[in-house]
Amino acid sequence: MTLYLPAHFAPPDAGAAAGLVAAHPLAMLAWAGGGGLEAEHLPLLWDRSPADGAHGTLRGHVARANPVWREADGRPVIAVFRGPQAYVTPSWYPSKAATAKVVPTWNYAVVQLRGTLRAVDDAPWLRALVERLTDTQEASRAHRWRVGAAPDDYIAQMLRAIVGIEVTVDAVQAKWKMSQNRTPADRAGVVAGLESLGSDEARAAAALVRSGG
């Protein structure tokens, strides 16, 4: 099944999907297992070098005790990454006063990546991945923590407790539903309304509405 995507809710540019995944790396990974639909939540890196295939490769890890790496190994999976989202009240639309023909909606930006999962049970591979994941998240911090700051025997123990996963991506879908189907005046009202909420997520959603998606 493909993502329902009216043309006006397409991402604003070719790099938008990768930017959202980098900014919001916690994915919902879902697959059809032996007992039915299954889902897990984990941070993933989306590598997109030529060696990673036409649509790139997702990489991450799970606890060894987590059955996902056995149950989903070799199966088709979908990884869903959610960006800024917010409820939109009709009260923010100037057109409400003119026609009253308005209803609530929800603004959101999402990326869905589909592919086949492969388990990777290899200590050097895992060490390199954990270092990359850590360095990516610590990059903006004044006092960065690095994997090498912990004792080697402790890190080795931690690595034995996890298993890596790779998803070779064969389809990319993204949707930016950010009031593109409203008039400029209504969009300005949504921006002002979201910014008035004061939360980081609402401000991020307002920025996407302001930029046209």
N, C-alpha and C. Protein backbone atom coordinates (compact mmCIF):
# COMPACT_ATOMS: atom_id res chain seq x y z
N MET A 1 0.85 -1.20 0.00
CA MET A 1 0.00 0.00 0.00
C MET A 1 0.88 1.25 0.00
N THR A 2 0.55 2.20 -0.83
CA THR A 2 1.32 3.43 -0.91
C THR A 2 0.69 4.51 -0.03
N LEU A 3 1.50 5.50 0.28
CA LEU A 3 1.04 6.63 1.07
C LEU A 3 0.10 7.50 0.24
N TYR A 4 -1.06 7.84 0.80
CA TYR A 4 -1.98 8.74 0.10
C TYR A 4 -1.34 10.11 0.02
N LEU A 5 -1.12 10.59 -1.20
CA LEU A 5 -0.34 11.81 -1.37
C LEU A 5 -0.92 12.69 -2.47
N PRO A 6 -1.88 13.57 -2.14
CA PRO A 6 -2.31 14.58 -3.11
C PRO A 6 -1.10 15.41 -3.55
N ALA A 7 -1.10 15.84 -4.78
CA ALA A 7 0.06 16.54 -5.34
C ALA A 7 0.47 17.75 -4.52
N HIS A 8 -0.50 18.48 -3.94
CA HIS A 8 -0.14 19.71 -3.21
C HIS A 8 0.51 19.42 -1.86
N PHE A 9 0.53 18.14 -1.43
CA PHE A 9 1.18 17.79 -0.17
C PHE A 9 2.52 17.09 -0.39
N ALA A 10 3.09 17.23 -1.58
CA ALA A 10 4.40 16.65 -1.85
C ALA A 10 5.49 17.43 -1.10
N PRO A 11 6.62 16.80 -0.79
CA PRO A 11 7.72 17.51 -0.12
C PRO A 11 8.19 18.70 -0.95
N PRO A 12 8.72 19.73 -0.31
CA PRO A 12 9.10 20.95 -1.03
C PRO A 12 10.29 20.79 -1.96
N ASP A 13 11.18 19.83 -1.68
CA ASP A 13 12.36 19.65 -2.53
C ASP A 13 12.91 18.25 -2.33
N ALA A 14 13.92 17.90 -3.14
CA ALA A 14 14.46 16.55 -3.15
C ALA A 14 15.16 16.18 -1.84
N GLY A 15 15.68 17.18 -1.13
CA GLY A 15 16.41 16.89 0.09
C GLY A 15 15.56 16.91 1.35
N ALA A 16 14.28 17.20 1.21
CA ALA A 16 13.43 17.35 2.39
C ALA A 16 13.31 16.06 3.18
N ALA A 17 13.15 14.93 2.51
CA ALA A 17 12.98 13.66 3.21
C ALA A 17 14.21 13.32 4.04
N ALA A 18 15.39 13.46 3.43
CA ALA A 18 16.63 13.16 4.15
C ALA A 18 16.81 14.10 5.33
N GLY A 19 16.43 15.37 5.16
CA GLY A 19 16.54 16.33 6.26
C GLY A 19 15.65 15.97 7.42
N LEU A 20 14.42 15.51 7.13
CA LEU A 20 13.51 15.13 8.21
C LEU A 20 14.04 13.91 8.95
N VAL A 21 14.52 12.91 8.22
CA VAL A 21 15.05 11.70 8.87
C VAL A 21 16.24 12.04 9.76
N ALA A 22 17.11 12.93 9.29
CA ALA A 22 18.28 13.32 10.08
C ALA A 22 17.87 14.07 11.34
N ALA A 23 16.84 14.91 11.23
CA ALA A 23 16.40 15.71 12.37
C ALA A 23 15.53 14.91 13.34
N HIS A 24 14.85 13.87 12.83
CA HIS A 24 13.93 13.07 13.65
C HIS A 24 14.23 11.60 13.41
N PRO A 25 15.37 11.09 13.92
CA PRO A 25 15.82 9.74 13.55
C PRO A 25 15.09 8.59 14.22
N LEU A 26 14.21 8.86 15.19
CA LEU A 26 13.49 7.77 15.83
C LEU A 26 12.39 7.26 14.91
N ALA A 27 12.55 6.04 14.42
CA ALA A 27 11.61 5.47 13.47
C ALA A 27 10.67 4.48 14.14
N MET A 28 9.47 4.36 13.58
CA MET A 28 8.61 3.22 13.87
C MET A 28 8.86 2.22 12.76
N LEU A 29 9.44 1.08 13.14
CA LEU A 29 9.73 0.03 12.17
C LEU A 29 8.63 -1.02 12.27
N ALA A 30 7.95 -1.29 11.16
CA ALA A 30 6.82 -2.21 11.17
C ALA A 30 7.01 -3.30 10.12
N TRP A 31 6.48 -4.49 10.41
CA TRP A 31 6.57 -5.61 9.50
C TRP A 31 5.46 -6.61 9.83
N ALA A 32 5.21 -7.52 8.90
CA ALA A 32 4.24 -8.59 9.12
C ALA A 32 4.99 -9.81 9.62
N GLY A 33 4.80 -10.13 10.89
CA GLY A 33 5.48 -11.27 11.49
C GLY A 33 4.60 -12.51 11.51
N GLY A 34 5.09 -13.57 12.13
CA GLY A 34 4.34 -14.79 12.20
C GLY A 34 3.05 -14.66 12.98
N GLY A 35 3.03 -13.72 13.93
CA GLY A 35 1.83 -13.51 14.74
C GLY A 35 0.97 -12.36 14.27
N GLY A 36 1.30 -11.79 13.09
CA GLY A 36 0.54 -10.65 12.59
C GLY A 36 1.42 -9.43 12.48
N LEU A 37 0.82 -8.26 12.49
CA LEU A 37 1.57 -7.02 12.37
C LEU A 37 2.39 -6.76 13.63
N GLU A 38 3.64 -6.34 13.45
CA GLU A 38 4.54 -6.04 14.55
C GLU A 38 5.15 -4.65 14.33
N ALA A 39 5.60 -4.03 15.41
CA ALA A 39 6.24 -2.71 15.29
C ALA A 39 7.25 -2.53 16.40
N GLU A 40 8.29 -1.78 16.11
CA GLU A 40 9.34 -1.45 17.07
C GLU A 40 9.74 0.00 16.83
N HIS A 41 10.33 0.62 17.84
CA HIS A 41 10.76 2.01 17.73
C HIS A 41 12.26 2.07 18.02
N LEU A 42 13.00 2.67 17.09
CA LEU A 42 14.44 2.76 17.27
C LEU A 42 15.03 3.83 16.36
N PRO A 43 16.13 4.46 16.79
CA PRO A 43 16.78 5.46 15.94
C PRO A 43 17.54 4.77 14.82
N LEU A 44 17.47 5.36 13.62
CA LEU A 44 18.13 4.79 12.46
C LEU A 44 18.89 5.87 11.69
N LEU A 45 20.03 5.50 11.16
CA LEU A 45 20.78 6.36 10.24
C LEU A 45 20.39 6.00 8.82
N TRP A 46 20.22 7.01 7.98
CA TRP A 46 19.92 6.77 6.56
C TRP A 46 21.14 7.12 5.75
N ASP A 47 21.92 6.10 5.38
CA ASP A 47 23.11 6.29 4.58
C ASP A 47 22.74 6.28 3.10
N ARG A 48 23.27 7.24 2.34
CA ARG A 48 22.84 7.39 0.96
C ARG A 48 24.01 7.57 -0.01
N SER A 49 25.11 6.90 0.28
CA SER A 49 26.23 6.92 -0.66
C SER A 49 25.92 5.99 -1.83
N PRO A 50 26.65 6.10 -2.94
CA PRO A 50 26.40 5.19 -4.07
C PRO A 50 26.47 3.72 -3.68
N ALA A 51 27.32 3.40 -2.70
CA ALA A 51 27.46 2.01 -2.27
C ALA A 51 26.25 1.52 -1.48
N ASP A 52 25.37 2.44 -1.07
CA ASP A 52 24.22 2.07 -0.26
C ASP A 52 22.96 1.81 -1.08
N GLY A 53 23.09 1.76 -2.39
CA GLY A 53 21.95 1.46 -3.25
C GLY A 53 21.26 2.70 -3.75
N ALA A 54 20.31 2.50 -4.65
CA ALA A 54 19.64 3.63 -5.31
C ALA A 54 18.90 4.53 -4.33
N HIS A 55 18.35 3.96 -3.26
CA HIS A 55 17.58 4.74 -2.29
C HIS A 55 18.22 4.74 -0.89
N GLY A 56 19.44 4.23 -0.80
CA GLY A 56 20.13 4.26 0.47
C GLY A 56 19.85 3.05 1.34
N THR A 57 20.47 3.06 2.51
CA THR A 57 20.33 1.96 3.47
C THR A 57 20.15 2.53 4.88
N LEU A 58 19.19 1.99 5.60
CA LEU A 58 18.99 2.35 7.00
C LEU A 58 19.83 1.44 7.87
N ARG A 59 20.42 2.01 8.93
CA ARG A 59 21.24 1.21 9.83
C ARG A 59 20.95 1.59 11.28
N GLY A 60 20.87 0.58 12.12
CA GLY A 60 20.63 0.79 13.55
C GLY A 60 20.91 -0.48 14.31
N HIS A 61 20.45 -0.55 15.55
CA HIS A 61 20.66 -1.76 16.34
C HIS A 61 19.53 -1.92 17.34
N VAL A 62 19.37 -3.15 17.79
CA VAL A 62 18.36 -3.47 18.81
C VAL A 62 19.01 -4.33 19.87
N ALA A 63 18.35 -4.45 21.02
CA ALA A 63 18.84 -5.35 22.06
C ALA A 63 18.82 -6.79 21.56
N ARG A 64 19.83 -7.55 21.93
CA ARG A 64 19.87 -8.96 21.51
C ARG A 64 18.64 -9.71 22.00
N ALA A 65 18.11 -9.30 23.15
CA ALA A 65 16.91 -9.95 23.69
C ALA A 65 15.65 -9.59 22.93
N ASN A 66 15.73 -8.55 22.08
CA ASN A 66 14.56 -8.12 21.29
C ASN A 66 14.40 -9.07 20.10
N PRO A 67 13.26 -9.73 19.96
CA PRO A 67 13.11 -10.71 18.88
C PRO A 67 13.04 -10.12 17.48
N VAL A 68 13.00 -8.80 17.36
CA VAL A 68 12.83 -8.21 16.03
C VAL A 68 13.91 -8.65 15.05
N TRP A 69 15.15 -8.77 15.51
CA TRP A 69 16.23 -9.07 14.57
C TRP A 69 16.14 -10.50 14.03
N ARG A 70 15.47 -11.38 14.75
CA ARG A 70 15.23 -12.73 14.24
C ARG A 70 13.94 -12.78 13.43
N GLU A 71 12.88 -12.17 13.97
CA GLU A 71 11.56 -12.27 13.34
C GLU A 71 11.50 -11.52 12.01
N ALA A 72 12.19 -10.38 11.93
CA ALA A 72 12.10 -9.55 10.72
C ALA A 72 13.23 -9.78 9.75
N ASP A 73 14.22 -10.58 10.11
CA ASP A 73 15.36 -10.82 9.22
C ASP A 73 14.88 -11.40 7.90
N GLY A 74 15.20 -10.70 6.82
CA GLY A 74 14.80 -11.14 5.49
C GLY A 74 13.39 -10.76 5.09
N ARG A 75 12.68 -10.05 5.96
CA ARG A 75 11.29 -9.67 5.67
C ARG A 75 11.20 -8.23 5.17
N PRO A 76 10.16 -7.94 4.38
CA PRO A 76 9.89 -6.54 4.03
C PRO A 76 9.47 -5.76 5.27
N VAL A 77 9.99 -4.55 5.39
CA VAL A 77 9.65 -3.69 6.53
C VAL A 77 9.36 -2.29 6.02
N ILE A 78 8.74 -1.49 6.88
CA ILE A 78 8.55 -0.08 6.60
C ILE A 78 9.01 0.72 7.82
N ALA A 79 9.81 1.74 7.58
CA ALA A 79 10.28 2.62 8.64
C ALA A 79 9.60 3.97 8.46
N VAL A 80 8.90 4.42 9.49
CA VAL A 80 8.15 5.67 9.43
C VAL A 80 8.82 6.69 10.35
N PHE A 81 9.17 7.84 9.79
CA PHE A 81 9.79 8.92 10.54
C PHE A 81 8.81 10.10 10.55
N ARG A 82 8.49 10.61 11.73
CA ARG A 82 7.53 11.72 11.84
C ARG A 82 8.24 13.00 12.22
N GLY A 83 7.97 14.05 11.46
CA GLY A 83 8.51 15.37 11.77
C GLY A 83 7.50 16.20 12.54
N PRO A 84 7.57 17.52 12.44
CA PRO A 84 6.64 18.40 13.15
C PRO A 84 5.19 18.09 12.81
N GLN A 85 4.32 18.18 13.82
CA GLN A 85 2.89 17.94 13.61
C GLN A 85 2.10 18.81 14.59
N ALA A 86 0.86 19.13 14.22
CA ALA A 86 0.04 19.98 15.07
C ALA A 86 -1.41 19.96 14.62
N TYR A 87 -2.30 20.05 15.57
CA TYR A 87 -3.72 20.25 15.29
C TYR A 87 -3.92 21.68 14.79
N VAL A 88 -4.80 21.83 13.80
CA VAL A 88 -5.11 23.15 13.25
C VAL A 88 -6.59 23.44 13.46
N THR A 89 -6.87 24.45 14.26
CA THR A 89 -8.26 24.83 14.54
C THR A 89 -8.79 25.78 13.47
N PRO A 90 -10.06 25.64 13.07
CA PRO A 90 -10.65 26.57 12.10
C PRO A 90 -10.64 28.02 12.59
N SER A 91 -10.50 28.21 13.89
CA SER A 91 -10.49 29.56 14.45
C SER A 91 -9.31 30.39 13.97
N TRP A 92 -8.29 29.71 13.43
CA TRP A 92 -7.13 30.44 12.94
C TRP A 92 -7.33 30.96 11.51
N TYR A 93 -8.37 30.51 10.83
CA TYR A 93 -8.59 30.92 9.45
C TYR A 93 -9.40 32.21 9.36
N PRO A 94 -8.89 33.25 8.72
CA PRO A 94 -9.72 34.44 8.46
C PRO A 94 -10.98 34.09 7.66
N SER A 95 -10.91 33.08 6.82
CA SER A 95 -12.07 32.72 6.00
C SER A 95 -13.23 32.19 6.84
N LYS A 96 -12.96 31.82 8.07
CA LYS A 96 -14.04 31.36 8.95
C LYS A 96 -15.09 32.46 9.12
N ALA A 97 -14.64 33.70 9.30
CA ALA A 97 -15.59 34.80 9.51
C ALA A 97 -16.36 35.13 8.23
N ALA A 98 -15.75 34.85 7.09
CA ALA A 98 -16.38 35.21 5.82
C ALA A 98 -17.42 34.19 5.37
N THR A 99 -17.10 32.89 5.54
CA THR A 99 -17.98 31.86 4.99
C THR A 99 -18.46 30.83 6.00
N ALA A 100 -17.72 30.66 7.08
CA ALA A 100 -17.97 29.61 8.07
C ALA A 100 -17.77 28.21 7.49
N LYS A 101 -17.31 28.12 6.24
CA LYS A 101 -17.11 26.81 5.61
C LYS A 101 -15.69 26.33 5.86
N VAL A 102 -15.43 25.98 7.10
CA VAL A 102 -14.11 25.51 7.51
C VAL A 102 -14.26 24.36 8.49
N VAL A 103 -13.28 23.50 8.54
CA VAL A 103 -13.26 22.37 9.48
C VAL A 103 -11.84 22.22 10.03
N PRO A 104 -11.70 21.54 11.16
CA PRO A 104 -10.36 21.30 11.70
C PRO A 104 -9.55 20.37 10.80
N THR A 105 -8.25 20.38 10.99
CA THR A 105 -7.39 19.43 10.29
C THR A 105 -6.14 19.20 11.13
N TRP A 106 -5.24 18.40 10.59
CA TRP A 106 -3.98 18.13 11.29
C TRP A 106 -2.86 18.32 10.29
N ASN A 107 -1.87 19.11 10.66
CA ASN A 107 -0.68 19.30 9.82
C ASN A 107 0.42 18.37 10.29
N TYR A 108 1.17 17.82 9.34
CA TYR A 108 2.26 16.91 9.71
C TYR A 108 3.20 16.71 8.53
N ALA A 109 4.41 16.27 8.85
CA ALA A 109 5.38 15.88 7.83
C ALA A 109 5.90 14.50 8.20
N VAL A 110 5.87 13.58 7.24
CA VAL A 110 6.30 12.20 7.49
C VAL A 110 7.12 11.68 6.32
N VAL A 111 7.99 10.71 6.63
CA VAL A 111 8.75 10.00 5.60
C VAL A 111 8.58 8.51 5.86
N GLN A 112 8.29 7.75 4.81
CA GLN A 112 8.17 6.30 4.90
C GLN A 112 9.20 5.66 3.97
N LEU A 113 10.02 4.80 4.53
CA LEU A 113 11.04 4.09 3.76
C LEU A 113 10.76 2.59 3.84
N ARG A 114 10.69 1.95 2.68
CA ARG A 114 10.39 0.52 2.63
C ARG A 114 11.60 -0.24 2.09
N GLY A 115 11.78 -1.44 2.60
CA GLY A 115 12.88 -2.28 2.14
C GLY A 115 12.88 -3.61 2.85
N THR A 116 14.00 -4.31 2.76
CA THR A 116 14.14 -5.63 3.37
C THR A 116 15.18 -5.55 4.47
N LEU A 117 14.86 -6.13 5.63
CA LEU A 117 15.74 -6.05 6.80
C LEU A 117 16.75 -7.20 6.80
N ARG A 118 17.95 -6.88 7.24
CA ARG A 118 19.00 -7.88 7.41
C ARG A 118 19.63 -7.68 8.78
N ALA A 119 19.73 -8.75 9.55
CA ALA A 119 20.40 -8.68 10.85
C ALA A 119 21.91 -8.73 10.65
N VAL A 120 22.64 -7.95 11.46
CA VAL A 120 24.11 -7.90 11.38
C VAL A 120 24.67 -8.17 12.77
N ASP A 121 25.23 -9.36 12.98
CA ASP A 121 25.78 -9.75 14.27
C ASP A 121 27.29 -9.79 14.16
N ASP A 122 27.88 -8.59 14.20
CA ASP A 122 29.32 -8.45 13.96
C ASP A 122 29.85 -7.32 14.84
N ALA A 123 30.75 -7.64 15.76
CA ALA A 123 31.21 -6.68 16.77
C ALA A 123 31.88 -5.43 16.17
N PRO A 124 32.84 -5.56 15.24
CA PRO A 124 33.44 -4.34 14.67
C PRO A 124 32.42 -3.47 13.95
N TRP A 125 31.51 -4.08 13.20
CA TRP A 125 30.45 -3.35 12.51
C TRP A 125 29.61 -2.58 13.53
N LEU A 126 29.25 -3.26 14.61
CA LEU A 126 28.43 -2.62 15.65
C LEU A 126 29.17 -1.49 16.33
N ARG A 127 30.44 -1.69 16.61
CA ARG A 127 31.23 -0.64 17.26
C ARG A 127 31.26 0.62 16.39
N ALA A 128 31.49 0.45 15.10
CA ALA A 128 31.52 1.60 14.20
C ALA A 128 30.16 2.28 14.12
N LEU A 129 29.09 1.48 14.10
CA LEU A 129 27.75 2.06 14.04
C LEU A 129 27.43 2.83 15.30
N VAL A 130 27.70 2.24 16.46
CA VAL A 130 27.41 2.91 17.73
C VAL A 130 28.18 4.22 17.84
N GLU A 131 29.43 4.22 17.38
CA GLU A 131 30.21 5.46 17.40
C GLU A 131 29.57 6.51 16.50
N ARG A 132 29.11 6.12 15.32
CA ARG A 132 28.46 7.07 14.41
C ARG A 132 27.16 7.61 15.00
N LEU A 133 26.34 6.71 15.53
CA LEU A 133 25.09 7.16 16.14
C LEU A 133 25.35 8.14 17.27
N THR A 134 26.32 7.81 18.11
CA THR A 134 26.65 8.67 19.25
C THR A 134 27.20 10.02 18.78
N ASP A 135 28.15 9.99 17.87
CA ASP A 135 28.76 11.24 17.39
C ASP A 135 27.72 12.13 16.72
N THR A 136 26.76 11.53 16.01
CA THR A 136 25.72 12.32 15.35
C THR A 136 24.88 13.07 16.37
N GLN A 137 24.50 12.40 17.45
CA GLN A 137 23.64 13.03 18.44
C GLN A 137 24.40 13.96 19.38
N GLU A 138 25.67 13.71 19.57
CA GLU A 138 26.47 14.54 20.48
C GLU A 138 27.09 15.76 19.80
N ALA A 139 26.99 15.84 18.47
CA ALA A 139 27.71 16.86 17.72
C ALA A 139 27.40 18.28 18.16
N SER A 140 26.17 18.55 18.56
CA SER A 140 25.78 19.92 18.90
C SER A 140 26.01 20.26 20.37
N ARG A 141 26.53 19.33 21.13
CA ARG A 141 26.71 19.55 22.57
C ARG A 141 28.07 20.16 22.87
N ALA A 142 28.10 21.02 23.87
CA ALA A 142 29.35 21.67 24.24
C ALA A 142 30.34 20.66 24.81
N HIS A 143 29.86 19.70 25.58
CA HIS A 143 30.71 18.68 26.18
C HIS A 143 30.27 17.33 25.62
N ARG A 144 30.92 16.92 24.54
CA ARG A 144 30.50 15.72 23.82
C ARG A 144 30.99 14.46 24.53
N TRP A 145 30.09 13.48 24.60
CA TRP A 145 30.48 12.15 25.08
C TRP A 145 30.80 11.29 23.89
N ARG A 146 31.88 10.52 24.00
CA ARG A 146 32.26 9.61 22.92
C ARG A 146 32.37 8.19 23.47
N VAL A 147 32.15 7.23 22.60
CA VAL A 147 32.19 5.84 23.02
C VAL A 147 33.52 5.51 23.67
N GLY A 148 34.61 6.08 23.15
CA GLY A 148 35.93 5.81 23.70
C GLY A 148 36.13 6.31 25.12
N ALA A 149 35.21 7.10 25.63
CA ALA A 149 35.33 7.60 27.01
C ALA A 149 35.01 6.53 28.04
N ALA A 150 34.35 5.47 27.63
CA ALA A 150 34.01 4.37 28.53
C ALA A 150 35.09 3.29 28.43
N PRO A 151 35.27 2.49 29.49
CA PRO A 151 36.28 1.42 29.44
C PRO A 151 36.02 0.43 28.31
N ASP A 152 37.08 -0.05 27.68
CA ASP A 152 36.95 -0.95 26.53
C ASP A 152 36.18 -2.22 26.89
N ASP A 153 36.46 -2.79 28.08
CA ASP A 153 35.78 -4.03 28.44
C ASP A 153 34.29 -3.80 28.64
N TYR A 154 33.93 -2.62 29.13
CA TYR A 154 32.51 -2.30 29.32
C TYR A 154 31.80 -2.14 27.97
N ILE A 155 32.46 -1.44 27.03
CA ILE A 155 31.87 -1.28 25.70
C ILE A 155 31.73 -2.63 25.02
N ALA A 156 32.73 -3.49 25.16
CA ALA A 156 32.65 -4.83 24.57
C ALA A 156 31.46 -5.60 25.14
N GLN A 157 31.25 -5.45 26.44
CA GLN A 157 30.10 -6.10 27.09
C GLN A 157 28.79 -5.57 26.53
N MET A 158 28.71 -4.24 26.36
CA MET A 158 27.49 -3.63 25.82
C MET A 158 27.24 -4.07 24.38
N LEU A 159 28.32 -4.18 23.59
CA LEU A 159 28.17 -4.59 22.20
C LEU A 159 27.66 -6.02 22.09
N ARG A 160 28.04 -6.87 23.03
CA ARG A 160 27.55 -8.24 22.99
C ARG A 160 26.05 -8.32 23.27
N ALA A 161 25.49 -7.24 23.83
CA ALA A 161 24.08 -7.24 24.20
C ALA A 161 23.18 -6.67 23.10
N ILE A 162 23.77 -6.33 21.93
CA ILE A 162 22.97 -5.76 20.84
C ILE A 162 23.26 -6.48 19.54
N VAL A 163 22.35 -6.29 18.58
CA VAL A 163 22.51 -6.83 17.23
C VAL A 163 22.17 -5.72 16.24
N GLY A 164 22.95 -5.60 15.18
CA GLY A 164 22.70 -4.57 14.19
C GLY A 164 21.62 -4.96 13.21
N ILE A 165 21.01 -3.95 12.60
CA ILE A 165 20.06 -4.19 11.51
C ILE A 165 20.37 -3.24 10.37
N GLU A 166 20.16 -3.73 9.15
CA GLU A 166 20.25 -2.92 7.95
C GLU A 166 18.96 -3.10 7.16
N VAL A 167 18.49 -2.02 6.57
CA VAL A 167 17.34 -2.08 5.68
C VAL A 167 17.76 -1.45 4.35
N THR A 168 17.88 -2.27 3.33
CA THR A 168 18.16 -1.74 1.99
C THR A 168 16.86 -1.14 1.46
N VAL A 169 16.84 0.17 1.29
CA VAL A 169 15.61 0.89 0.94
C VAL A 169 15.31 0.72 -0.54
N ASP A 170 14.08 0.31 -0.85
CA ASP A 170 13.70 0.20 -2.26
C ASP A 170 12.56 1.14 -2.63
N ALA A 171 12.01 1.88 -1.65
CA ALA A 171 10.97 2.87 -1.96
C ALA A 171 10.97 3.96 -0.90
N VAL A 172 10.85 5.20 -1.36
CA VAL A 172 10.81 6.37 -0.48
C VAL A 172 9.52 7.12 -0.74
N GLN A 173 8.78 7.40 0.32
CA GLN A 173 7.57 8.21 0.22
C GLN A 173 7.60 9.27 1.32
N ALA A 174 7.17 10.47 0.98
CA ALA A 174 7.17 11.56 1.94
C ALA A 174 5.95 12.44 1.73
N LYS A 175 5.43 12.97 2.81
CA LYS A 175 4.24 13.82 2.74
C LYS A 175 4.41 15.01 3.66
N TRP A 176 4.22 16.19 3.10
CA TRP A 176 4.28 17.45 3.85
C TRP A 176 2.89 18.07 3.81
N LYS A 177 2.05 17.75 4.77
CA LYS A 177 0.70 18.31 4.82
C LYS A 177 0.75 19.55 5.72
N MET A 178 1.00 20.70 5.12
CA MET A 178 1.23 21.92 5.87
C MET A 178 0.40 23.09 5.33
N SER A 179 -0.89 22.86 5.21
CA SER A 179 -1.85 23.91 4.83
C SER A 179 -1.63 24.46 3.43
N GLN A 180 -0.98 23.68 2.55
CA GLN A 180 -0.75 24.18 1.20
C GLN A 180 -2.05 24.40 0.43
N ASN A 181 -3.13 23.75 0.85
CA ASN A 181 -4.41 23.87 0.15
C ASN A 181 -5.26 25.02 0.68
N ARG A 182 -4.72 25.84 1.57
CA ARG A 182 -5.45 26.99 2.10
C ARG A 182 -4.99 28.27 1.39
N THR A 183 -5.77 29.33 1.54
CA THR A 183 -5.42 30.62 0.95
C THR A 183 -4.23 31.21 1.70
N PRO A 184 -3.52 32.16 1.09
CA PRO A 184 -2.41 32.80 1.79
C PRO A 184 -2.84 33.39 3.14
N ALA A 185 -4.03 33.99 3.20
CA ALA A 185 -4.50 34.57 4.47
C ALA A 185 -4.71 33.49 5.52
N ASP A 186 -5.31 32.38 5.13
CA ASP A 186 -5.52 31.30 6.08
C ASP A 186 -4.19 30.70 6.53
N ARG A 187 -3.25 30.59 5.61
CA ARG A 187 -1.93 30.07 5.98
C ARG A 187 -1.24 30.99 6.98
N ALA A 188 -1.38 32.30 6.77
CA ALA A 188 -0.80 33.25 7.72
C ALA A 188 -1.46 33.10 9.08
N GLY A 189 -2.76 32.85 9.09
CA GLY A 189 -3.46 32.63 10.35
C GLY A 189 -2.97 31.38 11.04
N VAL A 190 -2.69 30.31 10.28
CA VAL A 190 -2.17 29.08 10.87
C VAL A 190 -0.79 29.31 11.47
N VAL A 191 0.05 30.05 10.75
CA VAL A 191 1.39 30.36 11.27
C VAL A 191 1.29 31.11 12.60
N ALA A 192 0.46 32.14 12.64
CA ALA A 192 0.31 32.93 13.86
C ALA A 192 -0.25 32.06 15.00
N GLY A 193 -1.24 31.22 14.67
CA GLY A 193 -1.83 30.37 15.68
C GLY A 193 -0.85 29.37 16.25
N LEU A 194 -0.07 28.73 15.39
CA LEU A 194 0.91 27.76 15.85
C LEU A 194 1.99 28.42 16.70
N GLU A 195 2.47 29.57 16.25
CA GLU A 195 3.51 30.27 17.01
C GLU A 195 3.01 30.70 18.38
N SER A 196 1.72 31.00 18.48
CA SER A 196 1.17 31.41 19.77
C SER A 196 1.15 30.28 20.79
N LEU A 197 1.24 29.03 20.33
CA LEU A 197 1.22 27.89 21.25
C LEU A 197 2.50 27.81 22.07
N GLY A 198 3.60 28.29 21.50
CA GLY A 198 4.83 28.43 22.27
C GLY A 198 5.71 27.20 22.35
N SER A 199 5.27 26.04 21.86
CA SER A 199 6.09 24.84 21.96
C SER A 199 7.06 24.77 20.78
N ASP A 200 8.17 24.05 20.98
CA ASP A 200 9.15 23.90 19.90
C ASP A 200 8.53 23.23 18.69
N GLU A 201 7.72 22.20 18.92
CA GLU A 201 7.13 21.48 17.80
C GLU A 201 6.15 22.36 17.02
N ALA A 202 5.34 23.14 17.74
CA ALA A 202 4.41 24.04 17.07
C ALA A 202 5.16 25.09 16.25
N ARG A 203 6.25 25.61 16.80
CA ARG A 203 7.04 26.59 16.04
C ARG A 203 7.67 25.95 14.81
N ALA A 204 8.11 24.69 14.93
CA ALA A 204 8.68 23.99 13.79
C ALA A 204 7.62 23.78 12.71
N ALA A 205 6.41 23.42 13.12
CA ALA A 205 5.32 23.27 12.16
C ALA A 205 4.99 24.60 11.50
N ALA A 206 5.00 25.67 12.28
CA ALA A 206 4.72 27.01 11.74
C ALA A 206 5.76 27.38 10.68
N ALA A 207 7.02 27.03 10.93
CA ALA A 207 8.07 27.33 9.97
C ALA A 207 7.83 26.62 8.65
N LEU A 208 7.34 25.37 8.71
CA LEU A 208 7.06 24.64 7.48
C LEU A 208 5.87 25.23 6.73
N VAL A 209 4.86 25.66 7.47
CA VAL A 209 3.72 26.31 6.83
C VAL A 209 4.16 27.61 6.15
N ARG A 210 4.97 28.39 6.86
CA ARG A 210 5.45 29.67 6.33
C ARG A 210 6.28 29.48 5.07
N SER A 211 7.07 28.41 5.03
CA SER A 211 7.95 28.19 3.88
C SER A 211 7.23 27.59 2.68
N GLY A 212 5.94 27.30 2.86
CA GLY A 212 5.18 26.75 1.76
C GLY A 212 5.17 25.23 1.74
N GLY A 213 5.53 24.61 2.87
CA GLY A 213 5.56 23.16 2.94
C GLY A 213 6.94 22.68 3.30
